[in-house]
Protein backbone atom coordinates (compact mmCIF):
# COMPACT_ATOMS: atom_id res chain seq x y z
CA MET A 1 -2.41 4.59 -22.51
CA ALA A 2 -4.67 1.66 -22.54
CA LYS A 3 -5.57 0.34 -26.09
CA TYR A 4 -8.79 -1.19 -25.11
CA SER A 5 -11.88 0.59 -23.50
CA ARG A 6 -13.30 -0.71 -20.18
CA LEU A 7 -16.33 -1.76 -22.19
CA GLU A 8 -14.17 -4.06 -24.57
CA VAL A 9 -12.56 -5.46 -21.54
CA VAL A 10 -15.85 -6.02 -19.65
CA ASN A 11 -17.28 -7.82 -22.70
CA THR A 12 -14.13 -9.77 -23.11
CA MET A 13 -14.55 -11.05 -19.57
CA ILE A 14 -17.91 -11.91 -20.05
CA ASN A 15 -17.39 -13.59 -23.33
CA THR A 16 -14.39 -15.78 -22.33
CA GLY A 17 -15.21 -16.25 -18.78
CA LEU A 18 -11.38 -16.76 -17.90
CA VAL A 19 -8.87 -14.43 -16.82
CA PRO A 20 -5.29 -16.27 -16.35
CA LEU A 21 -3.20 -14.79 -13.68
CA PHE A 22 0.68 -14.88 -13.75
CA TYR A 23 3.76 -13.48 -12.64
CA HIS A 24 7.53 -14.05 -13.45
CA HIS A 25 10.52 -11.98 -13.30
CA ASP A 26 11.90 -13.33 -16.59
CA ILE A 27 10.61 -11.47 -19.61
CA GLU A 28 11.01 -14.23 -22.09
CA ILE A 29 9.28 -16.57 -20.07
CA SER A 30 6.38 -14.21 -19.76
CA LYS A 31 6.45 -13.81 -23.19
CA GLN A 32 5.98 -17.71 -24.05
CA VAL A 33 3.33 -17.74 -21.13
CA ILE A 34 1.14 -15.05 -22.57
CA ARG A 35 1.59 -16.52 -26.17
CA ALA A 36 0.53 -20.04 -24.94
CA CYS A 37 -2.54 -18.34 -23.20
CA TYR A 38 -3.48 -16.50 -26.40
CA GLU A 39 -3.09 -19.58 -28.41
CA GLY A 40 -5.30 -21.74 -26.29
CA GLY A 41 -8.03 -18.87 -26.56
CA ALA A 42 -7.60 -16.52 -23.75
CA ARG A 43 -8.00 -12.96 -24.70
CA LEU A 44 -7.03 -11.48 -21.34
CA LEU A 45 -4.16 -11.93 -18.86
CA GLU A 46 -3.66 -10.30 -15.43
CA PHE A 47 0.03 -10.07 -15.09
CA THR A 48 0.57 -9.66 -11.10
CA ASN A 49 2.67 -6.84 -9.37
CA ARG A 50 4.47 -9.14 -7.23
CA GLY A 51 8.09 -8.70 -7.64
CA ASP A 52 10.97 -6.03 -7.67
CA PHE A 53 10.93 -4.28 -11.18
CA ALA A 54 7.65 -5.85 -12.03
CA HIS A 55 6.76 -2.63 -13.92
CA GLU A 56 9.68 -2.96 -16.15
CA VAL A 57 8.84 -6.64 -17.18
CA PHE A 58 5.08 -5.40 -17.73
CA ALA A 59 6.36 -2.59 -19.93
CA GLU A 60 8.17 -5.06 -22.36
CA LEU A 61 5.45 -7.67 -22.08
CA ASN A 62 2.74 -5.24 -23.26
CA LYS A 63 5.07 -4.02 -26.17
CA TYR A 64 5.32 -7.62 -27.20
CA THR A 65 1.58 -8.34 -26.97
CA LEU A 66 0.63 -5.26 -28.88
CA GLU A 67 2.99 -6.23 -31.56
CA ASN A 68 2.45 -9.91 -31.65
CA LEU A 69 -0.83 -10.94 -30.09
CA PRO A 70 -3.58 -9.04 -31.88
CA GLY A 71 -6.81 -8.72 -29.58
CA MET A 72 -4.89 -9.74 -26.25
CA ILE A 73 -5.73 -7.54 -23.42
CA LEU A 74 -3.06 -7.37 -20.81
CA GLY A 75 -3.72 -5.81 -17.48
CA ILE A 76 -2.14 -5.55 -14.08
CA GLY A 77 -2.94 -7.03 -10.72
CA SER A 78 -1.89 -7.05 -7.04
CA VAL A 79 -2.06 -3.08 -7.17
CA THR A 80 -2.63 -1.72 -3.73
CA ASP A 81 -2.31 2.27 -4.37
CA ALA A 82 -3.11 5.01 -6.55
CA GLY A 83 0.59 5.56 -7.42
CA SER A 84 1.04 2.28 -8.54
CA ALA A 85 -2.10 2.20 -10.64
CA SER A 86 -1.19 5.39 -12.48
CA LEU A 87 2.42 3.87 -13.05
CA TYR A 88 0.85 0.79 -14.80
CA MET A 89 -1.93 2.85 -16.76
CA GLN A 90 1.32 4.85 -18.07
CA LEU A 91 2.84 1.82 -19.26
CA GLY A 92 -0.41 0.95 -20.97
CA ALA A 93 -2.22 -1.46 -18.49
CA ASN A 94 -5.79 -2.06 -19.88
CA PHE A 95 -7.34 -3.13 -16.78
CA ILE A 96 -6.28 -2.70 -13.00
CA VAL A 97 -7.12 -5.41 -10.44
CA THR A 98 -6.61 -4.84 -6.74
CA PRO A 99 -6.84 -7.18 -3.59
CA VAL A 100 -8.49 -4.64 -1.72
CA PHE A 101 -11.07 -1.81 -2.19
CA ARG A 102 -9.57 1.60 -2.18
CA GLU A 103 -11.14 4.79 -3.30
CA ASP A 104 -8.10 6.58 -4.48
CA ILE A 105 -7.40 3.82 -7.06
CA ALA A 106 -10.91 4.16 -8.34
CA ILE A 107 -10.45 7.84 -8.80
CA ALA A 108 -7.28 7.35 -10.63
CA CYS A 109 -8.76 4.82 -12.93
CA ASN A 110 -11.95 6.41 -13.60
CA ARG A 111 -10.17 9.54 -14.62
CA LYS A 112 -8.54 7.58 -17.56
CA LYS A 113 -11.55 5.38 -18.19
CA VAL A 114 -9.47 2.28 -17.39
CA LEU A 115 -11.81 -0.69 -15.84
CA TRP A 116 -10.85 -1.44 -12.35
CA SER A 117 -11.63 -4.67 -10.40
CA PRO A 118 -11.43 -4.15 -6.56
CA GLY A 119 -10.92 -6.97 -4.07
CA CYS A 120 -14.29 -6.94 -1.99
CA GLY A 121 -15.50 -9.43 0.77
CA SER A 122 -18.78 -7.80 1.80
CA LEU A 123 -22.04 -6.49 0.23
CA THR A 124 -21.12 -3.03 1.56
CA GLU A 125 -17.67 -2.92 -0.03
CA ILE A 126 -19.38 -4.20 -3.29
CA ALA A 127 -22.07 -1.62 -3.24
CA LYS A 128 -19.62 1.23 -2.48
CA ALA A 129 -17.43 -0.26 -5.35
CA GLU A 130 -20.18 0.02 -7.76
CA GLU A 131 -21.31 3.55 -6.63
CA LEU A 132 -17.60 4.35 -7.62
CA GLY A 133 -18.11 3.07 -11.21
CA CYS A 134 -16.71 -0.61 -10.61
CA GLU A 135 -18.13 -2.98 -13.36
CA ILE A 136 -16.83 -6.07 -12.30
CA VAL A 137 -16.00 -6.97 -8.68
CA LYS A 138 -13.24 -9.24 -7.67
CA LEU A 139 -14.21 -11.78 -4.85
CA PHE A 140 -10.83 -12.36 -2.96
CA PRO A 141 -9.75 -14.78 -1.73
CA GLY A 142 -12.66 -16.47 -3.40
CA GLY A 143 -11.74 -19.87 -1.71
CA ILE A 144 -12.78 -18.26 1.91
CA TYR A 145 -16.31 -16.99 0.54
CA GLY A 146 -17.18 -19.78 -1.93
CA PRO A 147 -19.96 -20.17 -4.54
CA ASN A 148 -22.71 -19.77 -1.80
CA PHE A 149 -21.46 -16.27 -1.05
CA VAL A 150 -22.18 -15.16 -4.76
CA LYS A 151 -25.85 -16.83 -4.60
CA ALA A 152 -26.40 -14.49 -1.61
CA ILE A 153 -25.06 -11.34 -3.39
CA LYS A 154 -26.83 -12.09 -6.59
CA GLY A 155 -30.13 -12.29 -4.50
CA PRO A 156 -30.61 -8.46 -3.49
CA GLN A 157 -28.12 -7.30 -6.34
CA PRO A 158 -28.87 -9.41 -9.55
CA TRP A 159 -26.73 -6.77 -11.54
CA THR A 160 -23.60 -7.13 -9.85
CA MET A 161 -20.84 -8.88 -11.87
CA ILE A 162 -18.31 -11.15 -9.59
CA MET A 163 -14.85 -12.46 -10.56
CA PRO A 164 -13.54 -14.83 -8.04
CA THR A 165 -10.00 -15.27 -7.50
CA GLY A 166 -8.20 -17.72 -5.43
CA GLY A 167 -9.98 -20.72 -4.68
CA VAL A 168 -10.68 -21.52 -8.45
CA SER A 169 -9.41 -24.45 -10.13
CA PRO A 170 -9.64 -25.60 -13.71
CA ASP A 171 -11.60 -28.90 -12.99
CA ARG A 172 -15.46 -29.22 -13.98
CA GLU A 173 -16.69 -29.50 -10.45
CA ASN A 174 -15.31 -26.43 -9.08
CA LEU A 175 -16.06 -24.33 -12.41
CA GLU A 176 -19.59 -25.69 -12.37
CA ALA A 177 -20.02 -24.48 -8.76
CA TRP A 178 -18.85 -21.03 -9.42
CA PHE A 179 -20.68 -20.26 -12.90
CA HIS A 180 -24.02 -21.74 -11.45
CA SER A 181 -23.75 -19.54 -8.65
CA GLY A 182 -23.87 -16.65 -10.94
CA VAL A 183 -20.36 -15.41 -11.59
CA THR A 184 -19.44 -13.53 -14.75
CA CYS A 185 -15.88 -14.84 -15.08
CA VAL A 186 -13.13 -16.41 -13.08
CA GLY A 187 -9.65 -15.64 -12.41
CA ILE A 188 -7.12 -18.62 -12.24
CA GLY A 189 -3.42 -18.36 -11.22
CA SER A 190 -1.07 -21.16 -10.16
CA LYS A 191 -3.74 -23.90 -10.72
CA LEU A 192 -3.65 -23.14 -14.37
CA ILE A 193 -0.22 -21.65 -15.02
CA SER A 194 1.61 -24.03 -12.76
CA LYS A 195 5.11 -24.03 -11.20
CA GLU A 196 5.61 -27.32 -12.97
CA VAL A 197 4.72 -25.94 -16.44
CA ILE A 198 7.09 -22.86 -15.91
CA GLU A 199 10.01 -24.88 -14.77
CA SER A 200 9.60 -27.58 -17.64
CA GLN A 201 8.64 -24.63 -20.01
CA ASN A 202 6.10 -27.02 -21.31
CA PHE A 203 4.15 -24.02 -22.93
CA ASP A 204 2.16 -26.47 -25.39
CA LEU A 205 0.83 -28.10 -22.22
CA LEU A 206 -0.13 -24.72 -20.78
CA LYS A 207 -1.93 -24.04 -24.33
CA THR A 208 -3.88 -27.28 -24.05
CA LYS A 209 -4.96 -26.65 -20.52
CA VAL A 210 -6.17 -22.95 -21.42
CA LYS A 211 -8.04 -24.16 -24.49
CA ASN A 212 -9.80 -26.98 -22.23
CA VAL A 213 -10.71 -24.53 -19.54
CA ILE A 214 -12.32 -22.18 -21.83
CA GLU A 215 -14.09 -24.66 -23.65
CA LEU A 216 -15.49 -26.20 -20.27
CA ILE A 217 -16.53 -22.71 -19.08
CA GLN A 218 -18.47 -22.22 -22.35
CA GLU A 219 -20.11 -25.39 -22.00
CA ILE A 220 -21.28 -24.83 -18.56
CA LYS A 221 -22.45 -21.21 -19.27
CA LYS A 222 -24.73 -22.89 -21.86
């Protein structure tokens, strides 16, 4: 069962502006990554469902997070069906992120009042997702649509909250473009938690990178 309500998750996404994305098959490396993100100031992390037995790693990582990182909200991404969503909610996922819009996942998550963020690529999909209770829409792949797409959506629908994923990098120019277009928060994966960081296990560097990105986002938002 989720520890954090969907309203708590939404507010944390709004306040921090950053959702790091990450997958690794090794639980010990995963623990180091989430701790580095936590110590850097992140209060959410999306563990992606991208490998065999990913649910087993997630289960152990969530236990570790609950015991050692107070206030850290762990969710799951790359979920493509209601069965997987239900499995991860049983393991304590606090939010569900999907690459596509699926009504069956919406129903499963709403039944347990768990925040779900579907990948949408049109105003029609976004409107339908909001009609089914979506609070924050995932724009995916963000790099294909770009900040101008967000500006266009926010015109007729200023209430829509958008989180682009894919095509977001931790540099000032990119982040300014996204936040000035009106996004609520951004999801950043390998451009933040890079292959080099993992291979060198330089988690102090990751901590610093996360801290710098969050500070930059807060500066831009002001």
